[in-house]
Structures are given as structure tokens and as C-alpha cells.
């Protein structure tokens, strides 16, 4: 299985703390991003710009588009999973 764009960005950044400081969020928040392999939904709606900041940090070796696409895919997967549980 290939490495996700978010995981590639974390590796290129060096560590999670760098991303947490850049995005002005807690280490725990970044841990969740990494654990669930997605950024918060707020990035999809333009309320935050974490994908843009991370892409800039890694010199666009992982693009904002790639990060947002992965985030969208993972959130869609989560929503489907939740809807199946309600049935």
C-alpha cells in the first residue's frame, strides 16, 4: 500500500510538532489528523487553511490539492461508515 499524501507531508516536515506549530493547533489535534489520515472538515469548507500551510512547508512536494482530496475521500468514507451504523 502506498503512503498517503498526508503521511508523506508529515515525513517531509520532519515531525508532527512542526506542523502543530505552523497550524497553531495542539499536538493532540495533529495526532488525530495523522491517526484518521485526514485534516479537519473545516479545511474542506475554507474555514481553515491547514492544507495550504502544510503544502507550503514541504515546498509543494505534497500539494494542497492532494491533501484536500485525501481529506475529502477520508471524510466521505467516515460518513458512509456512520450511516451504515444507523441502519
Foldseek 3Di string as FASTA:
>chain_A
DDDALVVVLCVLLPHLVSLCVQQVHDSVQSVVCVVLVAHDCCCVVVVGPSLCSSCVSSVNPRHSVSRNVRNVVSVVVVVVVVVVVVD
